[in-house]
Amino acid sequence: MQNILIVEDEPHVIRVMKLSLEKNGYSISVAHNGVQALEKLNDGLPDLLITDINMPRMGGDLLCKKIEKDIPDRSFPILVLTSKTEIEHREWTANMKNTYFDNVCLTGALKKILSFQKLSRLAL
């Protein structure tokens, strides 16, 4: 079972994503901000990390930059989800490897990313 780390501070968003993803067979762990996410990453790396941008203590943009610096050879993709639509809220992801900014259907995006990741592993 593939493990997904959700980094989100809104309880209702966490609940909806968690229920939907578990229903589709994913194992879910949750962090409520970037600081908690880094602690969870120290315990083990997920198959996918989904993060919001605006959160207390450490937002998703700083979290992604810290992961990029601290885990330069990471293989898990990061999906940045947010209600913000301005270009400045997504252009910082352009130069980060394996990091995607998307506001499309969550399940469709996950299937695409995780299927590609699975194919990549089979090719090795």
Protein backbone atom coordinates (compact mmCIF):
# COMPACT_ATOMS: atom_id res chain seq x y z
CA MET A 1 0.00 0.00 0.00
CA GLN A 2 1.38 3.40 -0.96
CA ASN A 3 1.86 5.91 1.85
CA ILE A 4 0.86 9.55 1.38
CA LEU A 5 1.81 12.33 3.78
CA ILE A 6 -0.78 15.13 3.83
CA VAL A 7 0.49 18.46 5.17
CA GLU A 8 -2.56 20.64 5.86
CA ASP A 9 -3.83 22.76 8.75
CA GLU A 10 -7.56 22.80 7.96
CA PRO A 11 -9.33 19.86 9.69
CA HIS A 12 -12.18 19.67 7.16
CA VAL A 13 -9.74 19.54 4.22
CA ILE A 14 -7.73 16.82 5.96
CA ARG A 15 -10.89 14.81 6.63
CA VAL A 16 -12.10 14.98 3.01
CA MET A 17 -8.70 14.15 1.51
CA LYS A 18 -8.03 11.37 4.00
CA LEU A 19 -11.41 9.70 3.45
CA SER A 20 -11.12 9.95 -0.32
CA LEU A 21 -7.57 8.63 -0.46
CA GLU A 22 -8.12 5.81 2.02
CA LYS A 23 -11.19 4.79 0.02
CA ASN A 24 -8.87 4.50 -2.99
CA GLY A 25 -6.45 2.24 -1.10
CA TYR A 26 -3.77 4.67 0.11
CA SER A 27 -2.27 4.73 3.59
CA ILE A 28 -2.40 8.27 4.99
CA SER A 29 -0.37 10.13 7.58
CA VAL A 30 -1.01 13.77 8.49
CA ALA A 31 1.10 16.74 9.56
CA HIS A 32 -0.54 20.07 10.41
CA ASN A 33 2.36 22.27 9.29
CA GLY A 34 5.80 22.11 7.72
CA VAL A 35 7.60 21.60 11.02
CA GLN A 36 5.54 18.48 11.81
CA ALA A 37 6.04 17.26 8.23
CA LEU A 38 9.83 17.45 8.57
CA GLU A 39 9.60 15.44 11.81
CA LYS A 40 7.52 12.78 10.03
CA LEU A 41 9.99 12.69 7.13
CA ASN A 42 12.75 11.90 9.64
CA ASP A 43 10.77 8.77 10.58
CA GLY A 44 10.44 7.60 6.97
CA LEU A 45 9.79 8.91 3.48
CA PRO A 46 6.34 8.70 1.89
CA ASP A 47 5.50 7.65 -1.66
CA LEU A 48 3.91 11.07 -2.13
CA LEU A 49 3.67 14.29 -0.13
CA ILE A 50 0.68 16.61 -0.58
CA THR A 51 1.01 20.06 0.94
CA ASP A 52 -0.96 23.25 1.29
CA ILE A 53 0.95 26.54 1.01
CA ASN A 54 -0.44 28.68 3.85
CA MET A 55 0.00 27.03 7.24
CA PRO A 56 1.18 28.15 10.69
CA ARG A 57 4.79 27.66 11.86
CA MET A 58 6.07 26.66 8.39
CA GLY A 59 4.20 26.93 5.11
CA GLY A 60 4.33 24.57 2.17
CA ASP A 61 6.67 26.73 0.10
CA LEU A 62 9.33 26.77 2.83
CA LEU A 63 8.72 23.06 3.49
CA CYS A 64 9.36 22.21 -0.16
CA LYS A 65 12.52 24.33 -0.26
CA LYS A 66 13.76 22.68 2.95
CA ILE A 67 13.07 19.20 1.54
CA GLU A 68 14.88 20.14 -1.68
CA LYS A 69 17.91 21.23 0.38
CA ASP A 70 17.87 18.46 3.01
CA ILE A 71 16.87 15.52 0.76
CA PRO A 72 18.43 16.41 -2.62
CA ASP A 73 18.04 12.88 -4.00
CA ARG A 74 14.41 12.40 -2.94
CA SER A 75 12.35 10.17 -5.20
CA PHE A 76 8.87 10.93 -3.84
CA PRO A 77 6.83 13.55 -5.69
CA ILE A 78 5.37 16.60 -3.97
CA LEU A 79 1.93 17.83 -4.97
CA VAL A 80 1.19 21.41 -3.89
CA LEU A 81 -2.52 22.07 -3.50
CA THR A 82 -3.97 25.45 -2.64
CA SER A 83 -7.01 27.60 -3.24
CA LYS A 84 -4.72 30.45 -4.29
CA THR A 85 -4.59 30.97 -8.06
CA GLU A 86 -2.11 33.84 -8.49
CA ILE A 87 1.01 33.02 -10.51
CA GLU A 88 3.36 33.87 -7.61
CA HIS A 89 1.79 31.03 -5.62
CA ARG A 90 2.96 28.50 -8.18
CA GLU A 91 6.05 29.79 -9.99
CA TRP A 92 8.38 28.79 -7.14
CA THR A 93 7.59 25.13 -7.90
CA ALA A 94 8.83 25.40 -11.51
CA ASN A 95 12.52 24.93 -10.64
CA MET A 96 12.00 22.14 -8.13
CA LYS A 97 12.38 18.59 -9.35
CA ASN A 98 9.48 16.21 -8.92
CA THR A 99 7.27 18.99 -7.49
CA TYR A 100 3.88 19.75 -9.00
CA PHE A 101 1.45 22.58 -8.47
CA ASP A 102 -2.07 21.52 -9.31
CA ASN A 103 -5.64 22.41 -8.58
CA VAL A 104 -7.24 19.59 -10.56
CA CYS A 105 -9.12 16.58 -9.24
CA LEU A 106 -7.00 15.15 -6.44
CA THR A 107 -7.58 11.48 -7.21
CA GLY A 108 -6.84 11.92 -10.92
CA ALA A 109 -3.63 13.79 -10.19
CA LEU A 110 -2.52 11.17 -7.67
CA LYS A 111 -3.18 8.28 -10.02
CA LYS A 112 -1.16 10.00 -12.74
CA ILE A 113 1.80 10.79 -10.46
CA LEU A 114 1.86 7.44 -8.65
CA SER A 115 1.38 5.45 -11.86
CA PHE A 116 4.33 7.26 -13.41
CA GLN A 117 6.38 6.62 -10.28
CA LYS A 118 5.49 2.91 -10.39
CA LEU A 119 6.45 2.69 -14.06
CA SER A 120 9.75 4.44 -13.32
CA ARG A 121 10.57 1.86 -10.63
CA LEU A 122 9.75 -1.03 -12.98
CA ALA A 123 12.08 0.43 -15.60
CA LEU A 124 15.04 0.36 -13.19
